[in-house]
C-alpha cells in the first residue's frame, strides 16, 4: 500500500502526505520540511525520456504552516499562458510517509519504496538553495522502462532569483571534491563522508572516476549531444543534461540488480549538488544521499 500511495503522489508532483505517527526521527524530518514553507512560483516542464521538452506549465506551489507549524496546508495551482488558474489542488497534512526523507536544508526525495514488475514506479528528487528550488520527477511504466520526466524550477514569489544556464558537458569537466550525507530508509543514524569525482574527455568519450571511503568506480560514456550513455556494467545508465543546470541520471530499464536514481543541480559555476536514491537487488529502497561538491580544477 505504501508504494502505491507514494507513486500516486509522485505522479501529482506533491509532497508525501499521511504516514507514520511522529517519533523523534520523524519530528526532525518534519522540521526539515519546514524549510520549504512559502509560495514557490515556477513551472512544471514535462520531458520525454530523451530529454525533449513536451509541455511547460506555469505553477504556484504554496506551503503554509498551521497550528504552530504542526500542520501543513499545501496549495498547487496550474496556470494557462495568459495567467488564468486552470487547475488547483489543496492538501492538508501533519505527518510524513515512509517514502520521503529530508535533509537539514530542506532538500528531499520521495517516491516508491519498492520496485515491482508490471507496476508503475518513480521518485521525485528536490533541491533548495536560498530563494530557489529545483525538483525532478522520474517515472517508469509498467514494463519497467523510463517513460517521462518532469523538471520543476521554482523561486520564492516576489524575489529575483535567475535560473542557471542549461547544463553542458563542458561545465562538468574537471575535478570535484565533495561532502556526502546518507540517510537511510530504516531511519538508522546518517553517515557523512568525503567524495571525489573526476570527469574528463578521453578520445570521443567521457571518463568518470568516483571515489568514496568505501568505493572506487570508473566508467565511460558515449556522448550524444545532451545525452550521455554509460553502457558498461550490468545495465545501461543514461544522463540527461537539462535546463537550469539540472541533470537526470537513470537506468533506461529497471534492472534485476541494485540500481539508483539521481538528480543533479549546478548551483554555481564551481558548486554542484547531486542526490542519489539507492535501491537493492530486490528493488527495495535503502538510502538517500546528498552530495555537495566543489570544482577544484577544470
C-alpha atoms as a PDB file:
ATOM      1  CA  UNK A   1       0.000   0.000   0.000  1.00  0.00           C
ATOM      2  CA  UNK A   2       2.843   2.410   0.815  1.00  0.00           C
ATOM      3  CA  UNK A   3       4.297   2.035  -2.669  1.00  0.00           C
ATOM      4  CA  UNK A   4       1.009   2.820  -4.367  1.00  0.00           C
ATOM      5  CA  UNK A   5       0.492   5.869  -2.126  1.00  0.00           C
ATOM      6  CA  UNK A   6       3.985   7.159  -2.800  1.00  0.00           C
ATOM      7  CA  UNK A   7       3.753   6.652  -6.552  1.00  0.00           C
ATOM      8  CA  UNK A   8       0.367   8.308  -6.792  1.00  0.00           C
ATOM      9  CA  UNK A   9       1.734  11.343  -5.017  1.00  0.00           C
ATOM     10  CA  UNK A  10       4.880  11.463  -7.159  1.00  0.00           C
ATOM     11  CA  UNK A  11       2.712  11.443 -10.268  1.00  0.00           C
ATOM     12  CA  UNK A  12       0.958  14.549  -8.954  1.00  0.00           C
ATOM     13  CA  UNK A  13       4.276  16.219  -8.042  1.00  0.00           C
ATOM     14  CA  UNK A  14       3.259  16.712  -4.402  1.00  0.00           C
ATOM     15  CA  UNK A  15       4.849  16.036  -1.049  1.00  0.00           C
ATOM     16  CA  UNK A  16       4.199  12.732   0.679  1.00  0.00           C
ATOM     17  CA  UNK A  17       1.120  13.005   2.799  1.00  0.00           C
ATOM     18  CA  UNK A  18      -0.195  10.912   5.656  1.00  0.00           C
ATOM     19  CA  UNK A  19       2.039   8.339   7.269  1.00  0.00           C
ATOM     20  CA  UNK A  20       3.501   7.025  10.469  1.00  0.00           C
ATOM     21  CA  UNK A  21       2.980   8.726  13.837  1.00  0.00           C
ATOM     22  CA  UNK A  22       5.630  11.227  14.923  1.00  0.00           C
ATOM     23  CA  UNK A  23       8.779   9.849  16.576  1.00  0.00           C
ATOM     24  CA  UNK A  24      11.979  11.731  17.422  1.00  0.00           C
ATOM     25  CA  UNK A  25      13.317  10.873  13.947  1.00  0.00           C
ATOM     26  CA  UNK A  26      10.143  11.891  12.163  1.00  0.00           C
ATOM     27  CA  UNK A  27       9.959  15.092  14.241  1.00  0.00           C
ATOM     28  CA  UNK A  28      13.365  16.157  12.934  1.00  0.00           C
ATOM     29  CA  UNK A  29      12.229  15.247   9.445  1.00  0.00           C
ATOM     30  CA  UNK A  30       9.179  17.457   9.906  1.00  0.00           C
ATOM     31  CA  UNK A  31      11.462  20.314  10.999  1.00  0.00           C
ATOM     32  CA  UNK A  32      13.454  19.822   7.788  1.00  0.00           C
ATOM     33  CA  UNK A  33      10.239  20.035   5.767  1.00  0.00           C
ATOM     34  CA  UNK A  34       9.522  23.485   7.208  1.00  0.00           C
ATOM     35  CA  UNK A  35      12.411  24.939   5.173  1.00  0.00           C
ATOM     36  CA  UNK A  36      10.028  24.635   2.216  1.00  0.00           C
ATOM     37  CA  UNK A  37       7.396  26.978   3.651  1.00  0.00           C
ATOM     38  CA  UNK A  38       6.460  29.813   1.317  1.00  0.00           C
ATOM     39  CA  UNK A  39       4.948  30.471  -2.095  1.00  0.00           C
ATOM     40  CA  UNK A  40       7.071  28.973  -4.875  1.00  0.00           C
ATOM     41  CA  UNK A  41       6.452  30.307  -8.373  1.00  0.00           C
ATOM     42  CA  UNK A  42       7.744  28.372 -11.348  1.00  0.00           C
ATOM     43  CA  UNK A  43       6.824  25.762 -13.914  1.00  0.00           C
ATOM     44  CA  UNK A  44       6.367  22.040 -14.415  1.00  0.00           C
ATOM     45  CA  UNK A  45       8.286  21.130 -17.574  1.00  0.00           C
ATOM     46  CA  UNK A  46       7.333  17.716 -18.943  1.00  0.00           C
ATOM     47  CA  UNK A  47      10.114  15.929 -20.821  1.00  0.00           C
ATOM     48  CA  UNK A  48      10.385  12.815 -22.946  1.00  0.00           C
ATOM     49  CA  UNK A  49      12.741  10.009 -21.849  1.00  0.00           C
ATOM     50  CA  UNK A  50      15.252  11.566 -24.267  1.00  0.00           C
ATOM     51  CA  UNK A  51      15.012  14.967 -22.550  1.00  0.00           C
ATOM     52  CA  UNK A  52      12.898  16.712 -25.185  1.00  0.00           C
ATOM     53  CA  UNK A  53      10.552  19.390 -23.809  1.00  0.00           C
ATOM     54  CA  UNK A  54       6.918  18.411 -24.409  1.00  0.00           C
ATOM     55  CA  UNK A  55       4.971  20.871 -22.257  1.00  0.00           C
ATOM     56  CA  UNK A  56       5.684  23.753 -19.874  1.00  0.00           C
ATOM     57  CA  UNK A  57       3.016  24.662 -17.308  1.00  0.00           C
ATOM     58  CA  UNK A  58       3.289  27.831 -15.150  1.00  0.00           C
ATOM     59  CA  UNK A  59       2.690  26.931 -11.484  1.00  0.00           C
ATOM     60  CA  UNK A  60       2.481  28.272  -7.949  1.00  0.00           C
ATOM     61  CA  UNK A  61       3.033  25.855  -5.048  1.00  0.00           C
ATOM     62  CA  UNK A  62       2.329  27.298  -1.590  1.00  0.00           C
ATOM     63  CA  UNK A  63       3.218  25.716   1.769  1.00  0.00           C
ATOM     64  CA  UNK A  64       1.581  27.330   4.810  1.00  0.00           C
ATOM     65  CA  UNK A  65       2.192  26.339   8.421  1.00  0.00           C
ATOM     66  CA  UNK A  66      -0.961  25.878  10.517  1.00  0.00           C
ATOM     67  CA  UNK A  67      -1.293  25.298  14.289  1.00  0.00           C
ATOM     68  CA  UNK A  68       2.226  26.490  15.060  1.00  0.00           C
ATOM     69  CA  UNK A  69       3.541  24.577  12.038  1.00  0.00           C
ATOM     70  CA  UNK A  70       2.183  21.260  13.312  1.00  0.00           C
ATOM     71  CA  UNK A  71       0.114  21.022  10.142  1.00  0.00           C
ATOM     72  CA  UNK A  72       0.959  21.992   6.567  1.00  0.00           C
ATOM     73  CA  UNK A  73      -1.547  23.331   4.069  1.00  0.00           C
ATOM     74  CA  UNK A  74      -0.281  22.887   0.517  1.00  0.00           C
ATOM     75  CA  UNK A  75      -1.911  24.543  -2.495  1.00  0.00           C
ATOM     76  CA  UNK A  76      -0.851  23.595  -6.020  1.00  0.00           C
ATOM     77  CA  UNK A  77      -2.042  25.844  -8.851  1.00  0.00           C
ATOM     78  CA  UNK A  78      -1.532  25.395 -12.591  1.00  0.00           C
ATOM     79  CA  UNK A  79      -1.954  28.401 -14.876  1.00  0.00           C
ATOM     80  CA  UNK A  80      -2.660  28.977 -18.545  1.00  0.00           C
ATOM     81  CA  UNK A  81      -0.188  31.067 -20.530  1.00  0.00           C
ATOM     82  CA  UNK A  82      -2.402  34.141 -20.028  1.00  0.00           C
ATOM     83  CA  UNK A  83      -2.361  33.723 -16.230  1.00  0.00           C
ATOM     84  CA  UNK A  84      -5.706  32.037 -15.531  1.00  0.00           C
ATOM     85  CA  UNK A  85      -5.873  29.230 -12.967  1.00  0.00           C
ATOM     86  CA  UNK A  86      -6.704  26.038 -14.867  1.00  0.00           C
ATOM     87  CA  UNK A  87      -6.162  23.572 -12.019  1.00  0.00           C
ATOM     88  CA  UNK A  88      -5.991  23.882  -8.251  1.00  0.00           C
ATOM     89  CA  UNK A  89      -5.499  21.314  -5.516  1.00  0.00           C
ATOM     90  CA  UNK A  90      -5.358  21.815  -1.728  1.00  0.00           C
ATOM     91  CA  UNK A  91      -3.759  19.266   0.592  1.00  0.00           C
ATOM     92  CA  UNK A  92      -3.585  19.333   4.397  1.00  0.00           C
ATOM     93  CA  UNK A  93      -1.300  17.003   6.321  1.00  0.00           C
ATOM     94  CA  UNK A  94       0.533  16.661   9.630  1.00  0.00           C
ATOM     95  CA  UNK A  95       2.772  13.605   9.233  1.00  0.00           C
ATOM     96  CA  UNK A  96       5.135  12.072   6.702  1.00  0.00           C
ATOM     97  CA  UNK A  97       5.040   8.845   4.745  1.00  0.00           C
ATOM     98  CA  UNK A  98       7.899   6.325   4.842  1.00  0.00           C
ATOM     99  CA  UNK A  99       8.607   7.105   1.187  1.00  0.00           C
ATOM    100  CA  UNK A 100      10.169  10.508   1.937  1.00  0.00           C
ATOM    101  CA  UNK A 101      13.425  11.619   3.554  1.00  0.00           C
ATOM    102  CA  UNK A 102      14.559  15.222   4.023  1.00  0.00           C
ATOM    103  CA  UNK A 103      17.967  16.746   4.676  1.00  0.00           C
ATOM    104  CA  UNK A 104      18.649  19.545   7.158  1.00  0.00           C
ATOM    105  CA  UNK A 105      18.424  22.265   4.485  1.00  0.00           C
ATOM    106  CA  UNK A 106      15.012  21.057   3.276  1.00  0.00           C
ATOM    107  CA  UNK A 107      16.231  19.079   0.247  1.00  0.00           C
ATOM    108  CA  UNK A 108      14.277  15.848  -0.082  1.00  0.00           C
ATOM    109  CA  UNK A 109      13.291  12.816  -2.089  1.00  0.00           C
ATOM    110  CA  UNK A 110      10.003  10.975  -2.103  1.00  0.00           C
ATOM    111  CA  UNK A 111       8.680   8.091  -4.144  1.00  0.00           C
ATOM    112  CA  UNK A 112       8.218   4.358  -4.468  1.00  0.00           C
ATOM    113  CA  UNK A 113       9.718   2.346  -1.630  1.00  0.00           C
ATOM    114  CA  UNK A 114       9.596  -0.946  -3.555  1.00  0.00           C
ATOM    115  CA  UNK A 115      10.000  -1.709  -7.233  1.00  0.00           C
ATOM    116  CA  UNK A 116       7.820  -4.469  -8.638  1.00  0.00           C
ATOM    117  CA  UNK A 117       7.264  -5.773 -12.171  1.00  0.00           C
ATOM    118  CA  UNK A 118       4.098  -4.773 -14.033  1.00  0.00           C
ATOM    119  CA  UNK A 119       3.587  -1.664 -11.919  1.00  0.00           C
ATOM    120  CA  UNK A 120       4.489   1.989 -12.343  1.00  0.00           C
ATOM    121  CA  UNK A 121       7.485   3.182 -10.385  1.00  0.00           C
ATOM    122  CA  UNK A 122       9.098   6.535  -9.745  1.00  0.00           C
ATOM    123  CA  UNK A 123      10.559   9.160  -7.474  1.00  0.00           C
ATOM    124  CA  UNK A 124      10.984  12.891  -7.018  1.00  0.00           C
ATOM    125  CA  UNK A 125      14.283  14.455  -6.002  1.00  0.00           C
ATOM    126  CA  UNK A 126      14.260  18.073  -4.832  1.00  0.00           C
ATOM    127  CA  UNK A 127      16.937  20.673  -4.022  1.00  0.00           C
ATOM    128  CA  UNK A 128      16.643  24.008  -2.233  1.00  0.00           C
ATOM    129  CA  UNK A 129      19.123  26.895  -2.330  1.00  0.00           C
ATOM    130  CA  UNK A 130      18.173  30.283  -0.926  1.00  0.00           C
ATOM    131  CA  UNK A 131      15.192  31.585  -2.897  1.00  0.00           C
ATOM    132  CA  UNK A 132      15.354  28.782  -5.467  1.00  0.00           C
ATOM    133  CA  UNK A 133      14.129  25.200  -5.626  1.00  0.00           C
ATOM    134  CA  UNK A 134      14.704  22.608  -8.310  1.00  0.00           C
ATOM    135  CA  UNK A 135      12.829  19.307  -8.405  1.00  0.00           C
ATOM    136  CA  UNK A 136      12.927  16.384 -10.816  1.00  0.00           C
ATOM    137  CA  UNK A 137      10.347  13.605 -11.136  1.00  0.00           C
ATOM    138  CA  UNK A 138      11.479  10.374 -12.849  1.00  0.00           C
ATOM    139  CA  UNK A 139       8.769   7.837 -13.768  1.00  0.00           C
ATOM    140  CA  UNK A 140       8.875   4.321 -15.223  1.00  0.00           C
ATOM    141  CA  UNK A 141       5.999   2.480 -16.909  1.00  0.00           C
ATOM    142  CA  UNK A 142       4.563  -0.975 -16.203  1.00  0.00           C
ATOM    143  CA  UNK A 143       7.207  -2.510 -18.489  1.00  0.00           C
ATOM    144  CA  UNK A 144       9.912  -1.003 -16.234  1.00  0.00           C
ATOM    145  CA  UNK A 145      11.046   1.457 -18.935  1.00  0.00           C
ATOM    146  CA  UNK A 146      11.756   5.143 -18.324  1.00  0.00           C
ATOM    147  CA  UNK A 147       8.552   6.810 -19.517  1.00  0.00           C
ATOM    148  CA  UNK A 148       8.617  10.504 -18.596  1.00  0.00           C
ATOM    149  CA  UNK A 149      10.349  13.214 -16.615  1.00  0.00           C
ATOM    150  CA  UNK A 150       9.122  16.440 -15.057  1.00  0.00           C
ATOM    151  CA  UNK A 151      11.575  19.236 -14.280  1.00  0.00           C
ATOM    152  CA  UNK A 152      10.229  21.748 -11.754  1.00  0.00           C
ATOM    153  CA  UNK A 153      12.024  25.110 -11.492  1.00  0.00           C
ATOM    154  CA  UNK A 154      10.825  27.475  -8.770  1.00  0.00           C
ATOM    155  CA  UNK A 155      11.677  30.653  -6.890  1.00  0.00           C
ATOM    156  CA  UNK A 156      10.043  32.299  -3.901  1.00  0.00           C
ATOM    157  CA  UNK A 157       7.285  34.639  -5.001  1.00  0.00           C
ATOM    158  CA  UNK A 158       8.340  38.297  -5.368  1.00  0.00           C
ATOM    159  CA  UNK A 159      12.061  37.506  -5.298  1.00  0.00           C
ATOM    160  CA  UNK A 160      14.672  37.886  -8.010  1.00  0.00           C
ATOM    161  CA  UNK A 161      16.499  34.604  -8.439  1.00  0.00           C
ATOM    162  CA  UNK A 162      17.657  33.969 -12.017  1.00  0.00           C
ATOM    163  CA  UNK A 163      17.870  30.483 -13.439  1.00  0.00           C
ATOM    164  CA  UNK A 164      21.154  28.850 -14.281  1.00  0.00           C
ATOM    165  CA  UNK A 165      22.039  28.264 -17.956  1.00  0.00           C
ATOM    166  CA  UNK A 166      21.214  24.864 -19.473  1.00  0.00           C
ATOM    167  CA  UNK A 167      23.770  22.294 -18.328  1.00  0.00           C
ATOM    168  CA  UNK A 168      26.541  21.375 -20.778  1.00  0.00           C
ATOM    169  CA  UNK A 169      29.245  18.756 -20.627  1.00  0.00           C
ATOM    170  CA  UNK A 170      31.932  21.447 -20.597  1.00  0.00           C
ATOM    171  CA  UNK A 171      30.506  22.809 -17.329  1.00  0.00           C
ATOM    172  CA  UNK A 172      31.029  19.446 -15.652  1.00  0.00           C
ATOM    173  CA  UNK A 173      34.534  18.586 -16.805  1.00  0.00           C
ATOM    174  CA  UNK A 174      37.195  18.727 -14.107  1.00  0.00           C
ATOM    175  CA  UNK A 175      37.923  17.542 -10.577  1.00  0.00           C
ATOM    176  CA  UNK A 176      35.240  17.846  -7.905  1.00  0.00           C
ATOM    177  CA  UNK A 177      35.669  17.404  -4.140  1.00  0.00           C
ATOM    178  CA  UNK A 178      32.553  16.844  -2.069  1.00  0.00           C
ATOM    179  CA  UNK A 179      30.860  16.070   1.209  1.00  0.00           C
ATOM    180  CA  UNK A 180      28.127  13.429   1.222  1.00  0.00           C
ATOM    181  CA  UNK A 181      25.361  12.757   3.737  1.00  0.00           C
ATOM    182  CA  UNK A 182      23.467   9.463   3.523  1.00  0.00           C
ATOM    183  CA  UNK A 183      20.068   8.999   5.160  1.00  0.00           C
ATOM    184  CA  UNK A 184      18.606   5.501   5.481  1.00  0.00           C
ATOM    185  CA  UNK A 185      15.067   4.385   4.769  1.00  0.00           C
ATOM    186  CA  UNK A 186      15.028   2.424   8.058  1.00  0.00           C
ATOM    187  CA  UNK A 187      15.996   5.647   9.908  1.00  0.00           C
ATOM    188  CA  UNK A 188      19.290   4.346  11.248  1.00  0.00           C
ATOM    189  CA  UNK A 189      21.893   7.017  12.005  1.00  0.00           C
ATOM    190  CA  UNK A 190      23.008   9.096   8.981  1.00  0.00           C
ATOM    191  CA  UNK A 191      26.548   8.819   7.646  1.00  0.00           C
ATOM    192  CA  UNK A 192      28.828  11.611   6.378  1.00  0.00           C
ATOM    193  CA  UNK A 193      31.928  11.154   4.245  1.00  0.00           C
ATOM    194  CA  UNK A 194      34.117  12.799   1.617  1.00  0.00           C
ATOM    195  CA  UNK A 195      33.827  12.192  -2.113  1.00  0.00           C
ATOM    196  CA  UNK A 196      35.959  12.804  -5.186  1.00  0.00           C
ATOM    197  CA  UNK A 197      34.645  12.941  -8.745  1.00  0.00           C
ATOM    198  CA  UNK A 198      36.731  13.323 -11.900  1.00  0.00           C
ATOM    199  CA  UNK A 199      35.098  13.969 -15.281  1.00  0.00           C
ATOM    200  CA  UNK A 200      37.472  14.082 -18.273  1.00  0.00           C
ATOM    201  CA  UNK A 201      37.353  13.603 -22.026  1.00  0.00           C
ATOM    202  CA  UNK A 202      39.237  10.543 -23.271  1.00  0.00           C
ATOM    203  CA  UNK A 203      39.069  10.491 -27.052  1.00  0.00           C
ATOM    204  CA  UNK A 204      35.416  10.873 -28.026  1.00  0.00           C
ATOM    205  CA  UNK A 205      34.084   9.510 -24.726  1.00  0.00           C
ATOM    206  CA  UNK A 206      33.548  10.897 -21.251  1.00  0.00           C
ATOM    207  CA  UNK A 207      35.540   9.208 -18.485  1.00  0.00           C
ATOM    208  CA  UNK A 208      34.212   9.299 -14.924  1.00  0.00           C
ATOM    209  CA  UNK A 209      36.071   8.286 -11.753  1.00  0.00           C
ATOM    210  CA  UNK A 210      34.173   8.343  -8.453  1.00  0.00           C
ATOM    211  CA  UNK A 211      35.924   7.769  -5.131  1.00  0.00           C
ATOM    212  CA  UNK A 212      34.483   7.480  -1.606  1.00  0.00           C
ATOM    213  CA  UNK A 213      35.948   5.843   1.540  1.00  0.00           C
ATOM    214  CA  UNK A 214      34.258   2.563   0.552  1.00  0.00           C
ATOM    215  CA  UNK A 215      34.180   2.773  -3.253  1.00  0.00           C
ATOM    216  CA  UNK A 216      36.333   3.495  -6.263  1.00  0.00           C
ATOM    217  CA  UNK A 217      34.499   3.290  -9.561  1.00  0.00           C
ATOM    218  CA  UNK A 218      35.470   4.152 -13.136  1.00  0.00           C
ATOM    219  CA  UNK A 219      33.206   4.212 -16.185  1.00  0.00           C
ATOM    220  CA  UNK A 220      32.963   5.842 -19.609  1.00  0.00           C
ATOM    221  CA  UNK A 221      30.056   7.245 -21.572  1.00  0.00           C
ATOM    222  CA  UNK A 222      29.160   7.739 -25.197  1.00  0.00           C
ATOM    223  CA  UNK A 223      28.301  11.402 -25.868  1.00  0.00           C
ATOM    224  CA  UNK A 224      25.159  12.107 -27.876  1.00  0.00           C
ATOM    225  CA  UNK A 225      24.529  15.857 -27.672  1.00  0.00           C
ATOM    226  CA  UNK A 226      22.933  16.500 -24.270  1.00  0.00           C
ATOM    227  CA  UNK A 227      22.644  12.746 -23.565  1.00  0.00           C
ATOM    228  CA  UNK A 228      25.381  10.605 -22.038  1.00  0.00           C
ATOM    229  CA  UNK A 229      25.160   6.816 -22.327  1.00  0.00           C
ATOM    230  CA  UNK A 230      27.096   4.772 -19.763  1.00  0.00           C
ATOM    231  CA  UNK A 231      26.921   1.398 -21.468  1.00  0.00           C
ATOM    232  CA  UNK A 232      29.237  -0.758 -19.339  1.00  0.00           C
ATOM    233  CA  UNK A 233      28.282  -2.775 -16.307  1.00  0.00           C
ATOM    234  CA  UNK A 234      25.179  -4.817 -15.603  1.00  0.00           C
ATOM    235  CA  UNK A 235      22.770  -2.281 -17.099  1.00  0.00           C
ATOM    236  CA  UNK A 236      22.840   0.865 -19.226  1.00  0.00           C
ATOM    237  CA  UNK A 237      22.537   4.242 -17.492  1.00  0.00           C
ATOM    238  CA  UNK A 238      21.506   7.489 -19.172  1.00  0.00           C
ATOM    239  CA  UNK A 239      22.433  11.014 -18.067  1.00  0.00           C
ATOM    240  CA  UNK A 240      20.429  13.922 -19.487  1.00  0.00           C
ATOM    241  CA  UNK A 241      21.779  17.486 -19.355  1.00  0.00           C
ATOM    242  CA  UNK A 242      18.788  19.757 -18.735  1.00  0.00           C
ATOM    243  CA  UNK A 243      17.777  23.429 -18.352  1.00  0.00           C
ATOM    244  CA  UNK A 244      18.702  25.411 -15.215  1.00  0.00           C
ATOM    245  CA  UNK A 245      21.916  23.446 -14.642  1.00  0.00           C
ATOM    246  CA  UNK A 246      19.950  20.267 -13.936  1.00  0.00           C
ATOM    247  CA  UNK A 247      20.786  16.665 -14.785  1.00  0.00           C
ATOM    248  CA  UNK A 248      18.869  13.385 -14.653  1.00  0.00           C
ATOM    249  CA  UNK A 249      20.566  10.008 -14.205  1.00  0.00           C
ATOM    250  CA  UNK A 250      18.527   6.812 -14.519  1.00  0.00           C
ATOM    251  CA  UNK A 251      18.637   3.318 -15.936  1.00  0.00           C
ATOM    252  CA  UNK A 252      16.705   3.100 -19.200  1.00  0.00           C
ATOM    253  CA  UNK A 253      15.012  -0.024 -17.821  1.00  0.00           C
ATOM    254  CA  UNK A 254      14.844  -1.022 -14.157  1.00  0.00           C
ATOM    255  CA  UNK A 255      17.305  -3.947 -13.803  1.00  0.00           C
ATOM    256  CA  UNK A 256      17.183  -7.087 -11.668  1.00  0.00           C
ATOM    257  CA  UNK A 257      20.171  -5.812  -9.692  1.00  0.00           C
ATOM    258  CA  UNK A 258      20.951  -2.865  -7.407  1.00  0.00           C
ATOM    259  CA  UNK A 259      20.244   0.469  -9.095  1.00  0.00           C
ATOM    260  CA  UNK A 260      19.915   4.171  -8.339  1.00  0.00           C
ATOM    261  CA  UNK A 261      18.063   7.277  -9.450  1.00  0.00           C
ATOM    262  CA  UNK A 262      19.977  10.565  -9.403  1.00  0.00           C
ATOM    263  CA  UNK A 263      19.342  14.255  -9.987  1.00  0.00           C
ATOM    264  CA  UNK A 264      21.959  16.989 -10.107  1.00  0.00           C
ATOM    265  CA  UNK A 265      21.927  20.788  -9.914  1.00  0.00           C
ATOM    266  CA  UNK A 266      24.811  23.068 -10.881  1.00  0.00           C
ATOM    267  CA  UNK A 267      24.036  25.883  -8.427  1.00  0.00           C
ATOM    268  CA  UNK A 268      27.072  27.966  -9.382  1.00  0.00           C
ATOM    269  CA  UNK A 269      29.988  27.588 -11.758  1.00  0.00           C
ATOM    270  CA  UNK A 270      32.016  25.660  -9.170  1.00  0.00           C
ATOM    271  CA  UNK A 271      29.234  24.352  -6.888  1.00  0.00           C
ATOM    272  CA  UNK A 272      27.024  21.361  -7.602  1.00  0.00           C
ATOM    273  CA  UNK A 273      24.686  19.099  -5.656  1.00  0.00           C
ATOM    274  CA  UNK A 274      23.724  15.555  -6.543  1.00  0.00           C
ATOM    275  CA  UNK A 275      21.010  13.474  -4.889  1.00  0.00           C
ATOM    276  CA  UNK A 276      21.005   9.692  -5.213  1.00  0.00           C
ATOM    277  CA  UNK A 277      18.127   7.371  -4.292  1.00  0.00           C
ATOM    278  CA  UNK A 278      19.501   3.817  -3.919  1.00  0.00           C
ATOM    279  CA  UNK A 279      17.628   0.513  -4.316  1.00  0.00           C
ATOM    280  CA  UNK A 280      18.832  -3.010  -3.563  1.00  0.00           C
ATOM    281  CA  UNK A 281      18.794  -6.090  -5.812  1.00  0.00           C
ATOM    282  CA  UNK A 282      15.212  -6.876  -4.749  1.00  0.00           C
ATOM    283  CA  UNK A 283      14.018  -3.390  -5.661  1.00  0.00           C
ATOM    284  CA  UNK A 284      13.723  -2.126  -2.097  1.00  0.00           C
ATOM    285  CA  UNK A 285      14.593   1.477  -1.285  1.00  0.00           C
ATOM    286  CA  UNK A 286      17.549   1.564   1.087  1.00  0.00           C
ATOM    287  CA  UNK A 287      19.027   5.061   1.258  1.00  0.00           C
ATOM    288  CA  UNK A 288      19.175   8.645   0.055  1.00  0.00           C
ATOM    289  CA  UNK A 289      22.450  10.530  -0.410  1.00  0.00           C
ATOM    290  CA  UNK A 290      23.045  14.251  -0.905  1.00  0.00           C
ATOM    291  CA  UNK A 291      26.472  15.201  -2.263  1.00  0.00           C
ATOM    292  CA  UNK A 292      27.608  18.833  -2.175  1.00  0.00           C
ATOM    293  CA  UNK A 293      30.736  19.205  -4.278  1.00  0.00           C
ATOM    294  CA  UNK A 294      33.012  21.999  -5.460  1.00  0.00           C
ATOM    295  CA  UNK A 295      35.160  22.082  -8.569  1.00  0.00           C
ATOM    296  CA  UNK A 296      38.834  22.349  -7.648  1.00  0.00           C
ATOM    297  CA  UNK A 297      40.360  22.144 -11.147  1.00  0.00           C
ATOM    298  CA  UNK A 298      38.896  22.442 -14.634  1.00  0.00           C
END
